[in-house]
PDB file of N, CA and C in Angstrom:
ATOM      1  N   UNK A   1      -0.574 -15.026  18.984  1.00  0.00           N
ATOM      2  CA  UNK A   1      -1.159 -14.573  17.720  1.00  0.00           C
ATOM      3  C   UNK A   1      -2.527 -13.944  17.994  1.00  0.00           C
ATOM      4  N   UNK A   2      -2.766 -12.844  17.310  1.00  0.00           N
ATOM      5  CA  UNK A   2      -4.048 -12.152  17.454  1.00  0.00           C
ATOM      6  C   UNK A   2      -5.108 -12.824  16.585  1.00  0.00           C
ATOM      7  N   UNK A   3      -6.356 -12.726  17.021  1.00  0.00           N
ATOM      8  CA  UNK A   3      -7.462 -13.198  16.186  1.00  0.00           C
ATOM      9  C   UNK A   3      -7.582 -12.361  14.920  1.00  0.00           C
ATOM     10  N   UNK A   4      -7.230 -11.054  15.046  1.00  0.00           N
ATOM     11  CA  UNK A   4      -7.460 -10.095  13.968  1.00  0.00           C
ATOM     12  C   UNK A   4      -6.104  -9.544  13.528  1.00  0.00           C
ATOM     13  N   UNK A   5      -5.532 -10.160  12.509  1.00  0.00           N
ATOM     14  CA  UNK A   5      -4.194  -9.744  12.110  1.00  0.00           C
ATOM     15  C   UNK A   5      -3.975 -10.023  10.626  1.00  0.00           C
ATOM     16  N   UNK A   6      -3.585  -8.979   9.902  1.00  0.00           N
ATOM     17  CA  UNK A   6      -3.151  -9.111   8.526  1.00  0.00           C
ATOM     18  C   UNK A   6      -1.677  -8.727   8.488  1.00  0.00           C
ATOM     19  N   UNK A   7      -0.898  -9.425   7.693  1.00  0.00           N
ATOM     20  CA  UNK A   7       0.506  -9.085   7.480  1.00  0.00           C
ATOM     21  C   UNK A   7       0.642  -8.521   6.075  1.00  0.00           C
ATOM     22  N   UNK A   8       1.384  -7.420   5.955  1.00  0.00           N
ATOM     23  CA  UNK A   8       1.516  -6.712   4.684  1.00  0.00           C
ATOM     24  C   UNK A   8       2.977  -6.724   4.252  1.00  0.00           C
ATOM     25  N   UNK A   9       3.236  -7.101   2.990  1.00  0.00           N
ATOM     26  CA  UNK A   9       4.580  -6.971   2.438  1.00  0.00           C
ATOM     27  C   UNK A   9       4.485  -6.211   1.119  1.00  0.00           C
ATOM     28  N   UNK A  10       5.560  -5.477   0.791  1.00  0.00           N
ATOM     29  CA  UNK A  10       5.537  -4.547  -0.338  1.00  0.00           C
ATOM     30  C   UNK A  10       6.790  -4.720  -1.202  1.00  0.00           C
ATOM     31  N   UNK A  11       6.593  -4.670  -2.531  1.00  0.00           N
ATOM     32  CA  UNK A  11       7.702  -4.573  -3.482  1.00  0.00           C
ATOM     33  C   UNK A  11       7.434  -3.343  -4.347  1.00  0.00           C
ATOM     34  N   UNK A  12       8.484  -2.582  -4.650  1.00  0.00           N
ATOM     35  CA  UNK A  12       8.316  -1.372  -5.457  1.00  0.00           C
ATOM     36  C   UNK A  12       9.162  -1.454  -6.725  1.00  0.00           C
ATOM     37  N   UNK A  13       8.761  -0.665  -7.718  1.00  0.00           N
ATOM     38  CA  UNK A  13       9.509  -0.620  -8.973  1.00  0.00           C
ATOM     39  C   UNK A  13       9.324   0.750  -9.605  1.00  0.00           C
ATOM     40  N   UNK A  14      10.416   1.296 -10.157  1.00  0.00           N
ATOM     41  CA  UNK A  14      10.370   2.541 -10.909  1.00  0.00           C
ATOM     42  C   UNK A  14      10.044   2.210 -12.363  1.00  0.00           C
ATOM     43  N   UNK A  15       9.176   3.017 -12.990  1.00  0.00           N
ATOM     44  CA  UNK A  15       8.780   2.790 -14.379  1.00  0.00           C
ATOM     45  C   UNK A  15       9.341   3.897 -15.275  1.00  0.00           C
ATOM     46  N   UNK A  16      10.572   3.719 -15.786  1.00  0.00           N
ATOM     47  CA  UNK A  16      11.167   4.791 -16.601  1.00  0.00           C
ATOM     48  C   UNK A  16      10.376   5.084 -17.870  1.00  0.00           C
ATOM     49  N   UNK A  17       9.722   4.064 -18.458  1.00  0.00           N
ATOM     50  CA  UNK A  17       8.991   4.278 -19.712  1.00  0.00           C
ATOM     51  C   UNK A  17       7.716   5.097 -19.521  1.00  0.00           C
ATOM     52  N   UNK A  18       7.218   5.188 -18.281  1.00  0.00           N
ATOM     53  CA  UNK A  18       6.019   5.996 -18.011  1.00  0.00           C
ATOM     54  C   UNK A  18       6.360   7.327 -17.336  1.00  0.00           C
ATOM     55  N   UNK A  19       7.632   7.523 -17.033  1.00  0.00           N
ATOM     56  CA  UNK A  19       8.067   8.730 -16.325  1.00  0.00           C
ATOM     57  C   UNK A  19       8.588   9.763 -17.316  1.00  0.00           C
ATOM     58  N   UNK A  20       8.618  11.014 -16.871  1.00  0.00           N
ATOM     59  CA  UNK A  20       9.133  12.110 -17.687  1.00  0.00           C
ATOM     60  C   UNK A  20       9.951  13.034 -16.774  1.00  0.00           C
ATOM     61  N   UNK A  21      11.237  12.664 -16.539  1.00  0.00           N
ATOM     62  CA  UNK A  21      12.063  13.440 -15.603  1.00  0.00           C
ATOM     63  C   UNK A  21      12.155  14.921 -15.955  1.00  0.00           C
ATOM     64  N   UNK A  22      12.122  15.255 -17.247  1.00  0.00           N
ATOM     65  CA  UNK A  22      12.210  16.670 -17.635  1.00  0.00           C
ATOM     66  C   UNK A  22      11.009  17.455 -17.141  1.00  0.00           C
ATOM     67  N   UNK A  23       9.889  16.780 -16.958  1.00  0.00           N
ATOM     68  CA  UNK A  23       8.676  17.431 -16.432  1.00  0.00           C
ATOM     69  C   UNK A  23       8.467  17.071 -14.962  1.00  0.00           C
ATOM     70  N   UNK A  24       9.522  16.609 -14.320  1.00  0.00           N
ATOM     71  CA  UNK A  24       9.494  16.172 -12.918  1.00  0.00           C
ATOM     72  C   UNK A  24       8.297  15.268 -12.620  1.00  0.00           C
ATOM     73  N   UNK A  25       8.159  14.231 -13.450  1.00  0.00           N
ATOM     74  CA  UNK A  25       7.111  13.234 -13.236  1.00  0.00           C
ATOM     75  C   UNK A  25       7.779  11.861 -13.171  1.00  0.00           C
ATOM     76  N   UNK A  26       7.746  11.246 -11.984  1.00  0.00           N
ATOM     77  CA  UNK A  26       8.399   9.965 -11.745  1.00  0.00           C
ATOM     78  C   UNK A  26       7.331   8.969 -11.309  1.00  0.00           C
ATOM     79  N   UNK A  27       7.158   7.899 -12.096  1.00  0.00           N
ATOM     80  CA  UNK A  27       6.076   6.943 -11.861  1.00  0.00           C
ATOM     81  C   UNK A  27       6.638   5.647 -11.272  1.00  0.00           C
ATOM     82  N   UNK A  28       5.974   5.179 -10.232  1.00  0.00           N
ATOM     83  CA  UNK A  28       6.380   3.962  -9.536  1.00  0.00           C
ATOM     84  C   UNK A  28       5.180   3.028  -9.426  1.00  0.00           C
ATOM     85  N   UNK A  29       5.467   1.722  -9.355  1.00  0.00           N
ATOM     86  CA  UNK A  29       4.429   0.769  -8.973  1.00  0.00           C
ATOM     87  C   UNK A  29       4.810   0.177  -7.630  1.00  0.00           C
ATOM     88  N   UNK A  30       3.800  -0.263  -6.914  1.00  0.00           N
ATOM     89  CA  UNK A  30       4.031  -1.017  -5.687  1.00  0.00           C
ATOM     90  C   UNK A  30       3.099  -2.220  -5.697  1.00  0.00           C
ATOM     91  N   UNK A  31       3.689  -3.373  -5.401  1.00  0.00           N
ATOM     92  CA  UNK A  31       2.920  -4.618  -5.323  1.00  0.00           C
ATOM     93  C   UNK A  31       2.809  -4.994  -3.861  1.00  0.00           C
ATOM     94  N   UNK A  32       1.574  -5.188  -3.411  1.00  0.00           N
ATOM     95  CA  UNK A  32       1.322  -5.446  -1.994  1.00  0.00           C
ATOM     96  C   UNK A  32       0.689  -6.819  -1.834  1.00  0.00           C
ATOM     97  N   UNK A  33       1.216  -7.572  -0.898  1.00  0.00           N
ATOM     98  CA  UNK A  33       0.622  -8.848  -0.521  1.00  0.00           C
ATOM     99  C   UNK A  33       0.055  -8.695   0.882  1.00  0.00           C
ATOM    100  N   UNK A  34      -1.237  -8.976   1.019  1.00  0.00           N
ATOM    101  CA  UNK A  34      -1.925  -8.903   2.312  1.00  0.00           C
ATOM    102  C   UNK A  34      -2.278 -10.333   2.682  1.00  0.00           C
ATOM    103  N   UNK A  35      -1.808 -10.776   3.847  1.00  0.00           N
ATOM    104  CA  UNK A  35      -2.091 -12.150   4.281  1.00  0.00           C
ATOM    105  C   UNK A  35      -2.827 -12.111   5.612  1.00  0.00           C
ATOM    106  N   UNK A  36      -3.895 -12.906   5.713  1.00  0.00           N
ATOM    107  CA  UNK A  36      -4.626 -13.009   6.977  1.00  0.00           C
ATOM    108  C   UNK A  36      -3.848 -13.973   7.868  1.00  0.00           C
ATOM    109  N   UNK A  37      -3.105 -13.402   8.826  1.00  0.00           N
ATOM    110  CA  UNK A  37      -2.313 -14.218   9.759  1.00  0.00           C
ATOM    111  C   UNK A  37      -3.044 -14.354  11.091  1.00  0.00           C
ATOM    112  N   UNK A  38      -4.301 -13.912  11.116  1.00  0.00           N
ATOM    113  CA  UNK A  38      -5.119 -14.070  12.319  1.00  0.00           C
ATOM    114  C   UNK A  38      -5.887 -15.386  12.274  1.00  0.00           C
ATOM    115  N   UNK A  39      -6.850 -15.500  13.179  1.00  0.00           N
ATOM    116  CA  UNK A  39      -7.612 -16.745  13.284  1.00  0.00           C
ATOM    117  C   UNK A  39      -9.064 -16.581  12.858  1.00  0.00           C
ATOM    118  N   UNK A  40      -9.443 -15.361  12.419  1.00  0.00           N
ATOM    119  CA  UNK A  40     -10.828 -15.079  12.034  1.00  0.00           C
ATOM    120  C   UNK A  40     -10.834 -14.514  10.610  1.00  0.00           C
ATOM    121  N   UNK A  41     -11.765 -14.964   9.779  1.00  0.00           N
ATOM    122  CA  UNK A  41     -11.913 -14.397   8.438  1.00  0.00           C
ATOM    123  C   UNK A  41     -12.249 -12.917   8.555  1.00  0.00           C
ATOM    124  N   UNK A  42     -11.669 -12.105   7.645  1.00  0.00           N
ATOM    125  CA  UNK A  42     -11.908 -10.664   7.705  1.00  0.00           C
ATOM    126  C   UNK A  42     -11.836 -10.085   6.300  1.00  0.00           C
ATOM    127  N   UNK A  43     -12.523  -8.936   6.135  1.00  0.00           N
ATOM    128  CA  UNK A  43     -12.594  -8.272   4.837  1.00  0.00           C
ATOM    129  C   UNK A  43     -11.919  -6.914   4.910  1.00  0.00           C
ATOM    130  N   UNK A  44     -11.120  -6.618   3.890  1.00  0.00           N
ATOM    131  CA  UNK A  44     -10.512  -5.300   3.754  1.00  0.00           C
ATOM    132  C   UNK A  44     -11.582  -4.376   3.168  1.00  0.00           C
ATOM    133  N   UNK A  45     -11.917  -3.315   3.899  1.00  0.00           N
ATOM    134  CA  UNK A  45     -12.998  -2.419   3.493  1.00  0.00           C
ATOM    135  C   UNK A  45     -12.468  -1.166   2.800  1.00  0.00           C
ATOM    136  N   UNK A  46     -11.447  -0.539   3.382  1.00  0.00           N
ATOM    137  CA  UNK A  46     -10.957   0.709   2.807  1.00  0.00           C
ATOM    138  C   UNK A  46      -9.483   0.905   3.115  1.00  0.00           C
ATOM    139  N   UNK A  47      -8.913   1.940   2.479  1.00  0.00           N
ATOM    140  CA  UNK A  47      -7.490   2.220   2.630  1.00  0.00           C
ATOM    141  C   UNK A  47      -7.272   3.703   2.874  1.00  0.00           C
ATOM    142  N   UNK A  48      -6.126   4.005   3.465  1.00  0.00           N
ATOM    143  CA  UNK A  48      -5.705   5.391   3.692  1.00  0.00           C
ATOM    144  C   UNK A  48      -4.194   5.436   3.479  1.00  0.00           C
ATOM    145  N   UNK A  49      -3.754   6.250   2.520  1.00  0.00           N
ATOM    146  CA  UNK A  49      -2.331   6.394   2.218  1.00  0.00           C
ATOM    147  C   UNK A  49      -1.874   7.810   2.507  1.00  0.00           C
ATOM    148  N   UNK A  50      -0.636   7.943   2.948  1.00  0.00           N
ATOM    149  CA  UNK A  50       0.042   9.236   3.025  1.00  0.00           C
ATOM    150  C   UNK A  50       1.291   9.100   2.157  1.00  0.00           C
ATOM    151  N   UNK A  51       1.323   9.877   1.073  1.00  0.00           N
ATOM    152  CA  UNK A  51       2.416   9.810   0.103  1.00  0.00           C
ATOM    153  C   UNK A  51       3.217  11.107   0.225  1.00  0.00           C
ATOM    154  N   UNK A  52       4.521  10.985   0.447  1.00  0.00           N
ATOM    155  CA  UNK A  52       5.376  12.152   0.660  1.00  0.00           C
ATOM    156  C   UNK A  52       6.529  12.111  -0.328  1.00  0.00           C
ATOM    157  N   UNK A  53       6.762  13.220  -1.042  1.00  0.00           N
ATOM    158  CA  UNK A  53       7.909  13.237  -1.950  1.00  0.00           C
ATOM    159  C   UNK A  53       9.104  13.898  -1.268  1.00  0.00           C
ATOM    160  N   UNK A  54      10.231  13.994  -1.986  1.00  0.00           N
ATOM    161  CA  UNK A  54      11.473  14.493  -1.393  1.00  0.00           C
ATOM    162  C   UNK A  54      11.405  15.977  -1.043  1.00  0.00           C
ATOM    163  N   UNK A  55      10.401  16.684  -1.586  1.00  0.00           N
ATOM    164  CA  UNK A  55      10.201  18.098  -1.239  1.00  0.00           C
ATOM    165  C   UNK A  55       9.226  18.257  -0.077  1.00  0.00           C
ATOM    166  N   UNK A  56       8.892  17.146   0.573  1.00  0.00           N
ATOM    167  CA  UNK A  56       7.913  17.116   1.669  1.00  0.00           C
ATOM    168  C   UNK A  56       6.514  17.528   1.227  1.00  0.00           C
ATOM    169  N   UNK A  57       6.217  17.355  -0.058  1.00  0.00           N
ATOM    170  CA  UNK A  57       4.847  17.531  -0.545  1.00  0.00           C
ATOM    171  C   UNK A  57       4.073  16.274  -0.154  1.00  0.00           C
ATOM    172  N   UNK A  58       2.972  16.457   0.573  1.00  0.00           N
ATOM    173  CA  UNK A  58       2.207  15.316   1.090  1.00  0.00           C
ATOM    174  C   UNK A  58       0.864  15.228   0.384  1.00  0.00           C
ATOM    175  N   UNK A  59       0.524  14.017  -0.012  1.00  0.00           N
ATOM    176  CA  UNK A  59      -0.778  13.758  -0.620  1.00  0.00           C
ATOM    177  C   UNK A  59      -1.429  12.624   0.167  1.00  0.00           C
ATOM    178  N   UNK A  60      -2.677  12.824   0.546  1.00  0.00           N
ATOM    179  CA  UNK A  60      -3.417  11.770   1.248  1.00  0.00           C
ATOM    180  C   UNK A  60      -4.438  11.169   0.311  1.00  0.00           C
ATOM    181  N   UNK A  61      -4.545   9.857   0.338  1.00  0.00           N
ATOM    182  CA  UNK A  61      -5.483   9.141  -0.509  1.00  0.00           C
ATOM    183  C   UNK A  61      -6.327   8.230   0.376  1.00  0.00           C
ATOM    184  N   UNK A  62      -7.634   8.359   0.254  1.00  0.00           N
ATOM    185  CA  UNK A  62      -8.566   7.479   0.970  1.00  0.00           C
ATOM    186  C   UNK A  62      -9.517   6.878  -0.049  1.00  0.00           C
ATOM    187  N   UNK A  63      -9.950   5.658   0.210  1.00  0.00           N
ATOM    188  CA  UNK A  63     -10.904   5.071  -0.710  1.00  0.00           C
ATOM    189  C   UNK A  63     -11.349   3.701  -0.255  1.00  0.00           C
ATOM    190  N   UNK A  64     -12.415   3.235  -0.890  1.00  0.00           N
ATOM    191  CA  UNK A  64     -12.931   1.909  -0.584  1.00  0.00           C
ATOM    192  C   UNK A  64     -12.073   0.867  -1.281  1.00  0.00           C
ATOM    193  N   UNK A  65     -11.769  -0.204  -0.569  1.00  0.00           N
ATOM    194  CA  UNK A  65     -11.082  -1.351  -1.149  1.00  0.00           C
ATOM    195  C   UNK A  65      -9.716  -1.015  -1.701  1.00  0.00           C
ATOM    196  N   UNK A  66      -9.189  -1.964  -2.482  1.00  0.00           N
ATOM    197  CA  UNK A  66      -7.917  -1.803  -3.171  1.00  0.00           C
ATOM    198  C   UNK A  66      -8.118  -2.291  -4.599  1.00  0.00           C
ATOM    199  N   UNK A  67      -7.692  -1.503  -5.563  1.00  0.00           N
ATOM    200  CA  UNK A  67      -7.860  -1.783  -6.994  1.00  0.00           C
ATOM    201  C   UNK A  67      -9.236  -2.381  -7.316  1.00  0.00           C
ATOM    202  N   UNK A  68     -10.282  -1.787  -6.747  1.00  0.00           N
ATOM    203  CA  UNK A  68     -11.641  -2.207  -7.051  1.00  0.00           C
ATOM    204  C   UNK A  68     -12.120  -3.452  -6.322  1.00  0.00           C
ATOM    205  N   UNK A  69     -11.335  -3.940  -5.368  1.00  0.00           N
ATOM    206  CA  UNK A  69     -11.710  -5.146  -4.629  1.00  0.00           C
ATOM    207  C   UNK A  69     -11.796  -4.855  -3.134  1.00  0.00           C
ATOM    208  N   UNK A  70     -12.651  -5.604  -2.473  1.00  0.00           N
ATOM    209  CA  UNK A  70     -12.707  -5.616  -1.006  1.00  0.00           C
ATOM    210  C   UNK A  70     -12.563  -7.080  -0.590  1.00  0.00           C
ATOM    211  N   UNK A  71     -11.314  -7.583  -0.661  1.00  0.00           N
ATOM    212  CA  UNK A  71     -11.125  -9.028  -0.481  1.00  0.00           C
ATOM    213  C   UNK A  71     -11.503  -9.516   0.919  1.00  0.00           C
ATOM    214  N   UNK A  72     -12.204 -10.647   0.935  1.00  0.00           N
ATOM    215  CA  UNK A  72     -12.508 -11.358   2.179  1.00  0.00           C
ATOM    216  C   UNK A  72     -11.494 -12.485   2.292  1.00  0.00           C
ATOM    217  N   UNK A  73     -10.674 -12.434   3.336  1.00  0.00           N
ATOM    218  CA  UNK A  73      -9.591 -13.399   3.485  1.00  0.00           C
ATOM    219  C   UNK A  73      -9.841 -14.322   4.664  1.00  0.00           C
ATOM    220  N   UNK A  74      -9.871 -15.612   4.366  1.00  0.00           N
ATOM    221  CA  UNK A  74      -9.932 -16.620   5.430  1.00  0.00           C
ATOM    222  C   UNK A  74      -8.552 -16.691   6.085  1.00  0.00           C
ATOM    223  N   UNK A  75      -8.453 -17.202   7.312  1.00  0.00           N
ATOM    224  CA  UNK A  75      -7.135 -17.364   7.927  1.00  0.00           C
ATOM    225  C   UNK A  75      -6.192 -18.120   6.983  1.00  0.00           C
ATOM    226  N   UNK A  76      -4.999 -17.574   6.791  1.00  0.00           N
ATOM    227  CA  UNK A  76      -4.006 -18.196   5.927  1.00  0.00           C
ATOM    228  C   UNK A  76      -4.090 -17.768   4.469  1.00  0.00           C
ATOM    229  N   UNK A  77      -5.211 -17.158   4.059  1.00  0.00           N
ATOM    230  CA  UNK A  77      -5.342 -16.711   2.667  1.00  0.00           C
ATOM    231  C   UNK A  77      -4.633 -15.381   2.466  1.00  0.00           C
ATOM    232  N   UNK A  78      -4.243 -15.129   1.202  1.00  0.00           N
ATOM    233  CA  UNK A  78      -3.620 -13.844   0.904  1.00  0.00           C
ATOM    234  C   UNK A  78      -4.173 -13.267  -0.389  1.00  0.00           C
ATOM    235  N   UNK A  79      -4.003 -11.952  -0.534  1.00  0.00           N
ATOM    236  CA  UNK A  79      -4.465 -11.216  -1.704  1.00  0.00           C
ATOM    237  C   UNK A  79      -3.317 -10.320  -2.138  1.00  0.00           C
ATOM    238  N   UNK A  80      -3.021 -10.346  -3.429  1.00  0.00           N
ATOM    239  CA  UNK A  80      -1.933  -9.505  -3.928  1.00  0.00           C
ATOM    240  C   UNK A  80      -2.472  -8.570  -4.996  1.00  0.00           C
ATOM    241  N   UNK A  81      -1.988  -7.324  -4.971  1.00  0.00           N
ATOM    242  CA  UNK A  81      -2.393  -6.380  -6.008  1.00  0.00           C
ATOM    243  C   UNK A  81      -1.249  -5.427  -6.295  1.00  0.00           C
ATOM    244  N   UNK A  82      -1.326  -4.794  -7.456  1.00  0.00           N
ATOM    245  CA  UNK A  82      -0.322  -3.809  -7.848  1.00  0.00           C
ATOM    246  C   UNK A  82      -1.036  -2.505  -8.171  1.00  0.00           C
ATOM    247  N   UNK A  83      -0.486  -1.418  -7.672  1.00  0.00           N
ATOM    248  CA  UNK A  83      -1.022  -0.097  -7.958  1.00  0.00           C
ATOM    249  C   UNK A  83       0.164   0.825  -8.229  1.00  0.00           C
ATOM    250  N   UNK A  84      -0.103   2.104  -8.387  1.00  0.00           N
ATOM    251  CA  UNK A  84       0.980   3.009  -8.737  1.00  0.00           C
ATOM    252  C   UNK A  84       0.856   4.365  -8.080  1.00  0.00           C
ATOM    253  N   UNK A  85       1.960   5.093  -8.145  1.00  0.00           N
ATOM    254  CA  UNK A  85       2.006   6.460  -7.617  1.00  0.00           C
ATOM    255  C   UNK A  85       2.951   7.267  -8.499  1.00  0.00           C
ATOM    256  N   UNK A  86       2.601   8.533  -8.710  1.00  0.00           N
ATOM    257  CA  UNK A  86       3.469   9.441  -9.459  1.00  0.00           C
ATOM    258  C   UNK A  86       3.960  10.523  -8.498  1.00  0.00           C
ATOM    259  N   UNK A  87       5.264  10.757  -8.516  1.00  0.00           N
ATOM    260  CA  UNK A  87       5.875  11.774  -7.660  1.00  0.00           C
ATOM    261  C   UNK A  87       6.509  12.853  -8.526  1.00  0.00           C
ATOM    262  N   UNK A  88       6.732  14.024  -7.926  1.00  0.00           N
ATOM    263  CA  UNK A  88       7.431  15.099  -8.623  1.00  0.00           C
ATOM    264  C   UNK A  88       8.921  15.071  -8.332  1.00  0.00           C
ATOM    265  N   UNK A  89       9.361  14.118  -7.519  1.00  0.00           N
ATOM    266  CA  UNK A  89      10.776  13.986  -7.188  1.00  0.00           C
ATOM    267  C   UNK A  89      11.209  12.539  -7.443  1.00  0.00           C
ATOM    268  N   UNK A  90      12.530  12.312  -7.471  1.00  0.00           N
ATOM    269  CA  UNK A  90      13.069  10.986  -7.767  1.00  0.00           C
ATOM    270  C   UNK A  90      12.882  10.003  -6.612  1.00  0.00           C
ATOM    271  N   UNK A  91      12.475  10.530  -5.476  1.00  0.00           N
ATOM    272  CA  UNK A  91      12.340   9.666  -4.313  1.00  0.00           C
ATOM    273  C   UNK A  91      11.197  10.154  -3.435  1.00  0.00           C
ATOM    274  N   UNK A  92      10.560   9.218  -2.752  1.00  0.00           N
ATOM    275  CA  UNK A  92       9.497   9.558  -1.822  1.00  0.00           C
ATOM    276  C   UNK A  92       9.182   8.344  -0.977  1.00  0.00           C
ATOM    277  N   UNK A  93       8.108   8.456  -0.203  1.00  0.00           N
ATOM    278  CA  UNK A  93       7.726   7.323   0.633  1.00  0.00           C
ATOM    279  C   UNK A  93       6.212   7.272   0.763  1.00  0.00           C
ATOM    280  N   UNK A  94       5.743   6.092   1.145  1.00  0.00           N
ATOM    281  CA  UNK A  94       4.321   5.886   1.393  1.00  0.00           C
ATOM    282  C   UNK A  94       4.157   5.151   2.707  1.00  0.00           C
ATOM    283  N   UNK A  95       3.100   5.492   3.419  1.00  0.00           N
ATOM    284  CA  UNK A  95       2.734   4.804   4.654  1.00  0.00           C
ATOM    285  C   UNK A  95       1.216   4.871   4.746  1.00  0.00           C
ATOM    286  N   UNK A  96       0.617   3.941   5.458  1.00  0.00           N
ATOM    287  CA  UNK A  96      -0.836   4.006   5.530  1.00  0.00           C
ATOM    288  C   UNK A  96      -1.435   2.913   6.377  1.00  0.00           C
ATOM    289  N   UNK A  97      -2.737   2.700   6.152  1.00  0.00           N
ATOM    290  CA  UNK A  97      -3.417   1.625   6.879  1.00  0.00           C
ATOM    291  C   UNK A  97      -4.617   1.155   6.078  1.00  0.00           C
ATOM    292  N   UNK A  98      -4.980  -0.091   6.356  1.00  0.00           N
ATOM    293  CA  UNK A  98      -6.204  -0.676   5.834  1.00  0.00           C
ATOM    294  C   UNK A  98      -7.193  -0.770   6.975  1.00  0.00           C
ATOM    295  N   UNK A  99      -8.464  -0.546   6.671  1.00  0.00           N
ATOM    296  CA  UNK A  99      -9.532  -0.710   7.652  1.00  0.00           C
ATOM    297  C   UNK A  99     -10.262  -1.998   7.302  1.00  0.00           C
ATOM    298  N   UNK A 100     -10.398  -2.872   8.275  1.00  0.00           N
ATOM    299  CA  UNK A 100     -10.927  -4.208   8.035  1.00  0.00           C
ATOM    300  C   UNK A 100     -12.062  -4.514   9.007  1.00  0.00           C
ATOM    301  N   UNK A 101     -12.931  -5.435   8.578  1.00  0.00           N
ATOM    302  CA  UNK A 101     -14.005  -5.916   9.444  1.00  0.00           C
ATOM    303  C   UNK A 101     -13.962  -7.439   9.425  1.00  0.00           C
ATOM    304  N   UNK A 102     -13.907  -8.017  10.620  1.00  0.00           N
ATOM    305  CA  UNK A 102     -13.881  -9.474  10.739  1.00  0.00           C
ATOM    306  C   UNK A 102     -15.290 -10.033  10.597  1.00  0.00           C
ATOM    307  N   UNK A 103     -15.343 -11.336  10.336  1.00  0.00           N
ATOM    308  CA  UNK A 103     -16.610 -12.047  10.169  1.00  0.00           C
ATOM    309  C   UNK A 103     -17.543 -11.851  11.365  1.00  0.00           C
ATOM    310  N   UNK A 104     -16.942 -11.706  12.558  1.00  0.00           N
ATOM    311  CA  UNK A 104     -17.751 -11.554  13.771  1.00  0.00           C
ATOM    312  C   UNK A 104     -18.131 -10.098  14.046  1.00  0.00           C
ATOM    313  N   UNK A 105     -17.814  -9.184  13.084  1.00  0.00           N
ATOM    314  CA  UNK A 105     -18.185  -7.780  13.237  1.00  0.00           C
ATOM    315  C   UNK A 105     -17.112  -6.906  13.861  1.00  0.00           C
ATOM    316  N   UNK A 106     -16.042  -7.507  14.394  1.00  0.00           N
ATOM    317  CA  UNK A 106     -14.959  -6.730  14.998  1.00  0.00           C
ATOM    318  C   UNK A 106     -14.238  -5.911  13.920  1.00  0.00           C
ATOM    319  N   UNK A 107     -14.052  -4.606  14.189  1.00  0.00           N
ATOM    320  CA  UNK A 107     -13.335  -3.740  13.253  1.00  0.00           C
ATOM    321  C   UNK A 107     -11.910  -3.552  13.728  1.00  0.00           C
ATOM    322  N   UNK A 108     -10.973  -3.543  12.779  1.00  0.00           N
ATOM    323  CA  UNK A 108      -9.569  -3.331  13.161  1.00  0.00           C
ATOM    324  C   UNK A 108      -8.818  -2.667  12.016  1.00  0.00           C
ATOM    325  N   UNK A 109      -7.675  -2.056  12.366  1.00  0.00           N
ATOM    326  CA  UNK A 109      -6.820  -1.402  11.385  1.00  0.00           C
ATOM    327  C   UNK A 109      -5.564  -2.225  11.198  1.00  0.00           C
ATOM    328  N   UNK A 110      -5.068  -2.223   9.978  1.00  0.00           N
ATOM    329  CA  UNK A 110      -3.807  -2.877   9.670  1.00  0.00           C
ATOM    330  C   UNK A 110      -2.837  -1.786   9.226  1.00  0.00           C
ATOM    331  N   UNK A 111      -1.778  -1.574  10.006  1.00  0.00           N
ATOM    332  CA  UNK A 111      -0.782  -0.564   9.652  1.00  0.00           C
ATOM    333  C   UNK A 111       0.057  -1.073   8.482  1.00  0.00           C
ATOM    334  N   UNK A 112       0.284  -0.212   7.509  1.00  0.00           N
ATOM    335  CA  UNK A 112       1.167  -0.534   6.389  1.00  0.00           C
ATOM    336  C   UNK A 112       2.484   0.173   6.677  1.00  0.00           C
ATOM    337  N   UNK A 113       3.555  -0.596   6.900  1.00  0.00           N
ATOM    338  CA  UNK A 113       4.820   0.042   7.242  1.00  0.00           C
ATOM    339  C   UNK A 113       5.298   0.955   6.115  1.00  0.00           C
ATOM    340  N   UNK A 114       5.986   2.028   6.490  1.00  0.00           N
ATOM    341  CA  UNK A 114       6.481   2.970   5.488  1.00  0.00           C
ATOM    342  C   UNK A 114       7.430   2.256   4.529  1.00  0.00           C
ATOM    343  N   UNK A 115       7.298   2.577   3.245  1.00  0.00           N
ATOM    344  CA  UNK A 115       8.237   2.057   2.258  1.00  0.00           C
ATOM    345  C   UNK A 115       8.657   3.182   1.330  1.00  0.00           C
ATOM    346  N   UNK A 116       9.829   3.010   0.713  1.00  0.00           N
ATOM    347  CA  UNK A 116      10.439   4.056  -0.100  1.00  0.00           C
ATOM    348  C   UNK A 116      10.185   3.792  -1.575  1.00  0.00           C
ATOM    349  N   UNK A 117       9.850   4.851  -2.298  1.00  0.00           N
ATOM    350  CA  UNK A 117       9.795   4.836  -3.756  1.00  0.00           C
ATOM    351  C   UNK A 117      11.033   5.604  -4.226  1.00  0.00           C
ATOM    352  N   UNK A 118      11.906   4.943  -5.000  1.00  0.00           N
ATOM    353  CA  UNK A 118      13.152   5.590  -5.375  1.00  0.00           C
ATOM    354  C   UNK A 118      13.647   5.068  -6.705  1.00  0.00           C
ATOM    355  N   UNK A 119      14.280   5.962  -7.472  1.00  0.00           N
ATOM    356  CA  UNK A 119      14.932   5.518  -8.680  1.00  0.00           C
ATOM    357  C   UNK A 119      16.055   4.556  -8.300  1.00  0.00           C
ATOM    358  N   UNK A 120      16.356   3.586  -9.164  1.00  0.00           N
ATOM    359  CA  UNK A 120      17.484   2.683  -8.876  1.00  0.00           C
ATOM    360  C   UNK A 120      18.774   3.477  -8.709  1.00  0.00           C
ATOM    361  N   UNK A 121      19.581   3.085  -7.774  1.00  0.00           N
ATOM    362  CA  UNK A 121      20.919   3.642  -7.537  1.00  0.00           C
ATOM    363  C   UNK A 121      20.896   5.110  -7.141  1.00  0.00           C
ATOM    364  N   UNK A 122      19.778   5.623  -6.572  1.00  0.00           N
ATOM    365  CA  UNK A 122      19.809   7.002  -6.094  1.00  0.00           C
ATOM    366  C   UNK A 122      19.941   7.059  -4.579  1.00  0.00           C
ATOM    367  N   UNK A 123      19.847   5.912  -3.901  1.00  0.00           N
ATOM    368  CA  UNK A 123      20.089   5.887  -2.459  1.00  0.00           C
ATOM    369  C   UNK A 123      21.563   5.683  -2.200  1.00  0.00           C
ATOM    370  N   UNK A 124      22.096   6.425  -1.243  1.00  0.00           N
ATOM    371  CA  UNK A 124      23.541   6.319  -0.974  1.00  0.00           C
ATOM    372  C   UNK A 124      23.768   5.458   0.251  1.00  0.00           C
TER     373      UNK A 124
END
């Protein structure tokens, strides 16, 4: 086990009531759980997302923290948040990383594995 390690898990949901398919606007939420699986307390400082729709339109998002927070996680602690993304297609994907700083000053990145945003029953 690494001293500096966060584990990330993701759940996604399509929001038909906020979407407008006729205007090619498809809204999704993603709920992310970040758990400090390392041995040193560390703080999530910033994020970087790459969002790609089915037309290969790419949008990059960078910013401080997540949903207005920069959580400091002790070993074993976790932080969960929900955010959203709007695509012009019925399907897309997101991938990214979090930039973190441990209590001892060590900086590290946490890769967020790629996940799919898709309308229900559109994957074959």
